[in-house]
Amino acid sequence: MTAFVSMMTSNQSEPQPVRTMVVDDSVVVRTVIERILNADPAFTVVHKTNSAEQALHYLADHDVDLVLLDIELPGQSGLAALPAILRASSRVKVAILSGKCEEGSAAAVEALMLGASDIVSKPGSGSFGEQFPQALIERLGRLFAQQTGAPTQPRSPVQPVAVPAAQPLACIGIGASTGGIHALGQLFHGMGAPMGVPLLLTQHLPASFTVYFAQQLARMTSLRVKVAETGDLLMPDTVYVAPGDANLQVRRGLHGRVIINLDPERTPAGNLPGVDPMFSSMADVYGAGAAGIVLTGMGRDGTVGARDIVAAGGWIVAQDEASSVVWGMPGSVASAGLASAQMEPLAIMDFVARRGGVQG
């Protein structure tokens, strides 16, 4: 089955195949993966190598959209090289392809914290069955479902506006993607006393990681953490995590209580879960009491919803460029003039508490 992936260049209107580099210590695996991807018009393998060092040399002079990266490599390991690979290109995505990095494992979570977009379990050499090629194409295709054009360069960041919020803080929404797990750890580490409001969190992750991600998040904070379910009543000092297969939204229920509604439809930009619908629903329900936080991530998810929050009287904080793995999402919000402040994650919660009138 062909993965319908739309990669566009700034000078071309026709979809372009996803330029892929395979980094694996096995020549058999490299050859098999190349055959699988090149058999699908949505992908083209532009380079193969068995070392992270050679991969970085190639990235220095060539455009690559996707890196399939093994964990166990001669010399520098895949995990050790992952941050440098992401820094080498503002648009590259990395999918870990390893037999030693199962979903939910410590290595998988570390890879996601470092900025990997997905983890794919690699069959042993000689055991690539009929189902693996189709599953691989479909999984990698989902990584690029939201990418419909070349990334835009953000304009100069706006300066923080240090003014009190129009209304007391009522709800915090957090959106993140590539590199977001590490940023979230810093965000909650910098949080002082509980703020007495619910927190909604949309992190771009495959659905299979949601439960384990919520468990890891619970270790980062003293707040209650749960995967959001339709009908949940929003409670203060609770983090509601968007499941990987639905948008996390809020609405008014009986007696004016705020409840969660999950929407399985992808956003117009192709995101699921999406930050935009979460922010927009917060604007509808909380108005000027809504505050959004946009952390590191590729693309522009969150900008449309941030505009709704600001229009309703609420406000937005964006992660600064220096601390972001990818300054796409926060950079888009900042360049649109929607951010009241740009700062590193460690400082954000203190700023939110002070601007929102939260008593410490």
Protein backbone atom coordinates (compact mmCIF):
# COMPACT_ATOMS: atom_id res chain seq x y z
CA MET A 1 0.00 0.00 0.00
CA THR A 2 1.36 3.38 -0.98
CA ALA A 3 1.66 5.95 1.78
CA PHE A 4 0.17 9.18 0.49
CA VAL A 5 2.82 11.58 1.69
CA SER A 6 2.91 15.15 0.40
CA MET A 7 6.39 16.65 0.53
CA MET A 8 6.59 19.98 -1.27
CA THR A 9 9.49 22.22 -2.13
CA SER A 10 9.38 25.99 -2.33
CA ASN A 11 10.00 25.90 -6.10
CA GLN A 12 7.79 22.94 -7.04
CA SER A 13 4.09 22.20 -6.79
CA GLU A 14 4.37 18.43 -7.34
CA PRO A 15 4.72 16.17 -4.31
CA GLN A 16 8.29 15.04 -3.77
CA PRO A 17 9.33 11.70 -2.23
CA VAL A 18 10.61 11.71 1.33
CA ARG A 19 14.41 11.72 1.10
CA THR A 20 15.54 9.05 3.51
CA MET A 21 18.86 8.03 4.99
CA VAL A 22 19.25 4.58 6.56
CA VAL A 23 21.78 4.28 9.38
CA ASP A 24 22.24 0.67 10.50
CA ASP A 25 25.23 -1.51 11.30
CA SER A 26 23.88 -4.41 9.22
CA VAL A 27 24.37 -4.35 5.46
CA VAL A 28 21.47 -6.81 5.16
CA VAL A 29 19.11 -4.50 7.03
CA ARG A 30 20.25 -1.46 5.06
CA THR A 31 19.63 -3.29 1.80
CA VAL A 32 16.21 -4.61 2.84
CA ILE A 33 15.02 -1.23 4.09
CA GLU A 34 16.25 0.44 0.91
CA ARG A 35 14.29 -2.03 -1.23
CA ILE A 36 11.13 -1.56 0.84
CA LEU A 37 11.23 2.23 0.69
CA ASN A 38 12.33 2.57 -2.93
CA ALA A 39 9.46 0.30 -3.97
CA ASP A 40 7.05 2.99 -2.78
CA PRO A 41 6.91 6.27 -4.75
CA ALA A 42 6.44 8.27 -1.54
CA PHE A 43 10.00 7.50 -0.40
CA THR A 44 13.48 7.46 -1.84
CA VAL A 45 16.63 6.30 -0.06
CA VAL A 46 19.35 8.85 -0.78
CA HIS A 47 22.08 7.44 1.45
CA LYS A 48 22.99 4.39 3.52
CA THR A 49 25.70 4.11 6.16
CA ASN A 50 26.70 2.04 9.16
CA SER A 51 27.92 4.86 11.39
CA ALA A 52 26.56 8.00 13.02
CA GLU A 53 29.71 9.91 12.15
CA GLN A 54 29.29 9.24 8.43
CA ALA A 55 25.60 10.14 8.68
CA LEU A 56 26.50 13.54 10.13
CA HIS A 57 29.06 14.13 7.38
CA TYR A 58 26.38 13.45 4.77
CA LEU A 59 23.83 15.70 6.47
CA ALA A 60 26.32 18.57 6.43
CA ASP A 61 26.12 18.76 2.62
CA HIS A 62 22.81 17.14 1.66
CA ASP A 63 19.11 17.65 2.30
CA VAL A 64 17.42 14.75 4.07
CA ASP A 65 13.82 14.58 5.29
CA LEU A 66 13.96 11.34 7.29
CA VAL A 67 16.69 9.39 9.08
CA LEU A 68 16.05 5.77 10.04
CA LEU A 69 18.49 5.34 12.90
CA ASP A 70 19.63 2.18 14.64
CA ILE A 71 20.60 2.35 18.32
CA GLU A 72 23.58 0.00 18.24
CA LEU A 73 26.22 1.36 15.87
CA PRO A 74 30.00 1.09 15.72
CA GLY A 75 31.58 4.09 17.42
CA GLN A 76 28.99 6.62 18.52
CA SER A 77 25.61 5.09 19.37
CA GLY A 78 22.41 6.19 17.68
CA LEU A 79 21.07 7.75 20.88
CA ALA A 80 24.29 9.68 21.45
CA ALA A 81 24.19 11.01 17.88
CA LEU A 82 20.47 11.85 17.83
CA PRO A 83 20.73 15.46 19.11
CA ALA A 84 23.47 16.29 16.60
CA ILE A 85 21.44 14.76 13.75
CA LEU A 86 18.45 16.94 14.64
CA ARG A 87 20.66 20.02 14.86
CA ALA A 88 22.15 19.26 11.44
CA SER A 89 18.87 20.10 9.71
CA SER A 90 15.85 22.13 10.78
CA ARG A 91 13.47 19.83 8.91
CA VAL A 92 14.84 16.33 9.39
CA LYS A 93 12.80 13.78 11.33
CA VAL A 94 14.36 10.77 13.00
CA ALA A 95 12.66 7.41 13.44
CA ILE A 96 14.49 4.89 15.58
CA LEU A 97 14.59 1.52 13.82
CA SER A 98 15.96 -0.95 16.31
CA GLY A 99 15.44 -4.39 17.76
CA LYS A 100 16.78 -3.12 21.11
CA CYS A 101 14.33 -0.26 21.61
CA GLU A 102 10.86 -1.69 22.19
CA GLU A 103 7.86 0.59 22.65
CA GLY A 104 7.58 1.62 26.29
CA SER A 105 11.18 0.70 27.10
CA ALA A 106 13.58 3.06 28.83
CA ALA A 107 15.59 3.39 25.59
CA ALA A 108 12.44 4.30 23.65
CA VAL A 109 11.46 7.03 26.09
CA GLU A 110 15.03 8.38 26.10
CA ALA A 111 14.96 8.52 22.31
CA LEU A 112 11.68 10.43 22.36
CA MET A 113 13.03 12.78 25.00
CA LEU A 114 15.99 13.50 22.74
CA GLY A 115 13.69 14.35 19.84
CA ALA A 116 12.94 11.14 17.89
CA SER A 117 9.58 11.27 16.11
CA ASP A 118 8.79 7.56 16.39
CA ILE A 119 10.15 4.17 17.40
CA VAL A 120 9.85 1.24 15.01
CA SER A 121 10.72 -2.25 16.18
CA LYS A 122 13.09 -3.90 13.72
CA PRO A 123 12.69 -7.61 12.98
CA GLY A 124 15.78 -9.74 13.14
CA SER A 125 17.72 -10.05 9.89
CA GLY A 126 16.16 -12.85 7.86
CA SER A 127 12.75 -12.45 9.52
CA PHE A 128 11.33 -9.51 7.54
CA GLY A 129 7.88 -10.96 6.84
CA GLU A 130 5.23 -9.88 4.38
CA GLN A 131 3.53 -7.56 6.88
CA PHE A 132 6.61 -5.54 7.85
CA PRO A 133 7.07 -3.60 4.57
CA GLN A 134 3.48 -2.34 4.54
CA ALA A 135 3.52 -1.56 8.25
CA LEU A 136 6.79 0.36 7.89
CA ILE A 137 5.54 2.44 4.96
CA GLU A 138 2.28 3.29 6.71
CA ARG A 139 4.01 4.22 9.97
CA LEU A 140 6.61 6.41 8.32
CA GLY A 141 3.94 7.96 6.11
CA ARG A 142 2.07 9.17 9.18
CA LEU A 143 5.13 11.16 10.25
CA PHE A 144 4.80 13.28 7.12
CA ALA A 145 1.01 13.47 6.83
CA GLN A 146 1.05 17.00 8.27
CA GLN A 147 3.94 18.34 6.18
CA THR A 148 2.44 20.12 3.16
CA GLY A 149 5.12 22.64 2.37
CA ALA A 150 8.55 23.93 3.11
CA PRO A 151 8.94 25.35 6.60
CA THR A 152 8.73 29.11 6.85
CA GLN A 153 11.39 31.16 8.51
CA PRO A 154 10.03 32.96 11.58
CA ARG A 155 10.45 36.69 11.79
CA SER A 156 12.29 38.37 14.63
CA PRO A 157 10.80 37.36 18.00
CA VAL A 158 8.55 39.81 19.76
CA GLN A 159 9.61 41.16 23.13
CA PRO A 160 7.88 39.86 26.28
CA VAL A 161 4.95 41.93 27.49
CA ALA A 162 5.06 42.03 31.30
CA VAL A 163 1.47 43.02 32.07
CA PRO A 164 -1.06 41.30 34.35
CA ALA A 165 -3.65 39.07 32.73
CA ALA A 166 -7.13 40.51 32.15
CA GLN A 167 -8.69 37.75 34.23
CA PRO A 168 -7.35 35.28 36.81
CA LEU A 169 -5.85 32.13 35.36
CA ALA A 170 -8.48 29.40 34.82
CA CYS A 171 -6.78 26.78 32.63
CA ILE A 172 -3.34 26.10 31.14
CA GLY A 173 -2.87 24.38 27.78
CA ILE A 174 0.52 23.00 26.71
CA GLY A 175 1.46 21.98 23.17
CA ALA A 176 4.69 20.26 22.18
CA SER A 177 6.23 18.04 19.52
CA THR A 178 9.85 17.23 18.62
CA GLY A 179 12.00 17.49 21.75
CA GLY A 180 8.93 18.17 23.85
CA ILE A 181 9.39 15.45 26.45
CA HIS A 182 12.70 16.91 27.60
CA ALA A 183 11.18 20.41 27.58
CA LEU A 184 8.23 19.21 29.65
CA GLY A 185 10.61 17.82 32.25
CA GLN A 186 12.17 21.27 32.59
CA LEU A 187 8.78 22.98 32.55
CA PHE A 188 7.46 20.99 35.50
CA HIS A 189 10.79 21.16 37.31
CA GLY A 190 10.45 24.95 37.26
CA MET A 191 6.94 24.85 38.68
CA GLY A 192 6.61 26.01 42.27
CA ALA A 193 3.40 25.57 44.22
CA PRO A 194 0.36 24.05 42.44
CA MET A 195 -1.63 26.72 40.58
CA GLY A 196 -5.12 25.47 41.37
CA VAL A 197 -6.15 25.11 37.71
CA PRO A 198 -6.38 22.16 35.28
CA LEU A 199 -3.62 21.63 32.72
CA LEU A 200 -4.27 20.24 29.24
CA LEU A 201 -1.36 18.68 27.36
CA THR A 202 -1.03 17.76 23.70
CA GLN A 203 2.32 16.14 22.87
CA HIS A 204 2.74 14.78 19.35
CA LEU A 205 3.39 11.09 19.99
CA PRO A 206 2.27 7.81 18.45
CA ALA A 207 -0.82 6.42 20.20
CA SER A 208 1.07 3.38 21.46
CA PHE A 209 3.26 5.60 23.66
CA THR A 210 0.52 7.61 25.37
CA VAL A 211 0.05 5.51 28.50
CA TYR A 212 3.77 5.10 29.12
CA PHE A 213 4.33 8.80 28.41
CA ALA A 214 1.71 9.70 31.03
CA GLN A 215 3.46 7.43 33.53
CA GLN A 216 6.79 9.13 32.82
CA LEU A 217 5.17 12.54 33.11
CA ALA A 218 3.75 11.63 36.51
CA ARG A 219 7.34 11.15 37.71
CA MET A 220 8.19 14.68 36.61
CA THR A 221 5.52 16.43 38.70
CA SER A 222 3.58 16.14 41.93
CA LEU A 223 0.38 16.92 40.03
CA ARG A 224 -2.06 14.17 39.15
CA VAL A 225 -1.58 12.95 35.57
CA LYS A 226 -4.08 11.00 33.51
CA VAL A 227 -4.78 10.19 29.88
CA ALA A 228 -7.86 12.22 28.96
CA GLU A 229 -11.16 10.45 28.39
CA THR A 230 -14.40 11.80 27.00
CA GLY A 231 -16.62 13.02 29.83
CA ASP A 232 -13.82 13.64 32.34
CA LEU A 233 -14.70 16.53 34.64
CA LEU A 234 -11.80 18.96 34.73
CA MET A 235 -10.25 19.16 38.16
CA PRO A 236 -7.61 21.61 39.43
CA ASP A 237 -3.96 20.57 39.60
CA THR A 238 -4.52 17.66 37.22
CA VAL A 239 -2.68 17.18 33.92
CA TYR A 240 -4.92 15.75 31.19
CA VAL A 241 -2.86 14.14 28.39
CA ALA A 242 -4.27 13.94 24.87
CA PRO A 243 -4.37 10.34 23.64
CA GLY A 244 -2.37 9.74 20.50
CA ASP A 245 -5.44 9.12 18.37
CA ALA A 246 -7.71 12.04 19.31
CA ASN A 247 -7.75 15.80 19.82
CA LEU A 248 -8.17 16.90 23.43
CA GLN A 249 -10.94 19.50 23.66
CA VAL A 250 -13.07 20.97 26.45
CA ARG A 251 -16.71 22.08 26.57
CA ARG A 252 -19.35 23.15 29.05
CA GLY A 253 -21.50 20.33 30.38
CA LEU A 254 -24.40 20.16 32.82
CA HIS A 255 -24.50 22.88 35.46
CA GLY A 256 -21.69 24.69 33.66
CA ARG A 257 -19.06 22.12 34.58
CA VAL A 258 -16.18 21.83 32.11
CA ILE A 259 -15.73 18.36 30.66
CA ILE A 260 -13.40 16.75 28.14
CA ASN A 261 -14.44 15.87 24.61
CA LEU A 262 -12.18 13.75 22.38
CA ASP A 263 -12.32 14.31 18.64
CA PRO A 264 -10.74 11.63 16.36
CA GLU A 265 -10.60 13.88 13.27
CA ARG A 266 -7.23 15.14 12.05
CA THR A 267 -6.78 18.88 11.92
CA PRO A 268 -6.67 20.57 8.48
CA ALA A 269 -2.88 20.52 8.81
CA GLY A 270 -2.95 16.75 9.40
CA ASN A 271 -2.16 16.68 13.12
CA LEU A 272 -3.64 14.11 15.47
CA PRO A 273 -3.63 14.98 18.28
CA GLY A 274 -3.54 18.65 17.46
CA VAL A 275 -2.69 21.66 19.61
CA ASP A 276 -4.93 23.97 17.57
CA PRO A 277 -8.27 22.36 18.51
CA MET A 278 -7.23 22.16 22.16
CA PHE A 279 -6.35 25.86 22.31
CA SER A 280 -9.47 26.87 20.37
CA SER A 281 -11.75 24.99 22.74
CA MET A 282 -10.00 26.60 25.70
CA ALA A 283 -10.70 30.01 24.18
CA ASP A 284 -14.39 29.14 23.80
CA VAL A 285 -14.77 27.85 27.36
CA TYR A 286 -12.39 29.98 29.43
CA GLY A 287 -11.99 33.17 27.38
CA ALA A 288 -9.53 35.54 29.03
CA GLY A 289 -8.79 32.93 31.70
CA ALA A 290 -7.03 30.68 29.18
CA ALA A 291 -3.23 30.55 28.92
CA GLY A 292 -1.33 28.54 26.32
CA ILE A 293 2.26 27.32 26.35
CA VAL A 294 3.91 26.32 23.06
CA LEU A 295 7.06 24.23 23.36
CA THR A 296 9.61 22.93 20.88
CA GLY A 297 8.26 21.20 17.79
CA MET A 298 8.27 21.04 14.02
CA GLY A 299 5.56 22.76 12.01
CA ARG A 300 3.00 25.38 12.99
CA ASP A 301 0.51 23.44 15.11
CA GLY A 302 -0.78 25.74 17.85
CA THR A 303 -0.69 29.02 15.93
CA VAL A 304 -4.34 28.98 14.85
CA GLY A 305 -5.50 28.03 18.35
CA ALA A 306 -3.16 30.57 19.95
CA ARG A 307 -4.77 33.27 17.83
CA ASP A 308 -8.19 32.21 19.18
CA ILE A 309 -6.93 32.38 22.77
CA VAL A 310 -5.48 35.85 22.28
CA ALA A 311 -8.66 37.03 20.54
CA ALA A 312 -10.66 35.83 23.56
CA GLY A 313 -8.45 37.86 25.91
CA GLY A 314 -6.11 35.06 26.96
CA TRP A 315 -2.38 34.87 26.41
CA ILE A 316 0.45 32.66 25.13
CA VAL A 317 4.02 31.86 26.21
CA ALA A 318 6.45 30.38 23.66
CA GLN A 319 9.67 28.50 24.26
CA ASP A 320 12.65 30.53 23.09
CA GLU A 321 14.71 29.56 20.07
CA ALA A 322 17.94 28.89 21.95
CA SER A 323 16.44 26.15 24.12
CA SER A 324 14.24 24.54 21.41
CA VAL A 325 15.23 21.39 19.54
CA VAL A 326 13.11 22.71 16.66
CA TRP A 327 11.80 26.29 16.79
CA GLY A 328 8.93 25.59 14.43
CA MET A 329 5.79 25.64 16.59
CA PRO A 330 6.95 28.25 19.10
CA GLY A 331 8.67 30.25 16.36
CA SER A 332 5.46 30.36 14.33
CA VAL A 333 3.50 31.65 17.33
CA ALA A 334 6.19 34.22 18.09
CA SER A 335 6.47 35.44 14.48
CA ALA A 336 2.69 35.89 14.38
CA GLY A 337 2.96 38.31 17.32
CA LEU A 338 0.91 36.07 19.61
CA ALA A 339 3.45 35.38 22.38
CA SER A 340 3.42 37.51 25.51
CA ALA A 341 6.85 36.08 26.35
CA GLN A 342 9.56 33.80 24.98
CA MET A 343 11.74 31.94 27.46
CA GLU A 344 13.34 28.64 28.35
CA PRO A 345 10.97 26.00 29.78
CA LEU A 346 12.48 26.16 33.25
CA ALA A 347 11.26 29.77 33.63
CA ILE A 348 7.83 29.45 32.04
CA MET A 349 5.72 28.22 34.96
CA ASP A 350 6.95 30.97 37.27
CA PHE A 351 6.04 33.54 34.62
CA VAL A 352 2.60 31.95 34.14
CA ALA A 353 1.94 31.98 37.88
CA ARG A 354 2.92 35.64 38.25
CA ARG A 355 1.06 36.88 35.18
CA GLY A 356 -1.98 34.78 36.00
CA GLY A 357 -2.25 36.15 39.51
CA VAL A 358 -1.63 32.77 41.16
CA GLN A 359 -0.73 33.06 44.84
CA GLY A 360 2.40 31.06 45.70
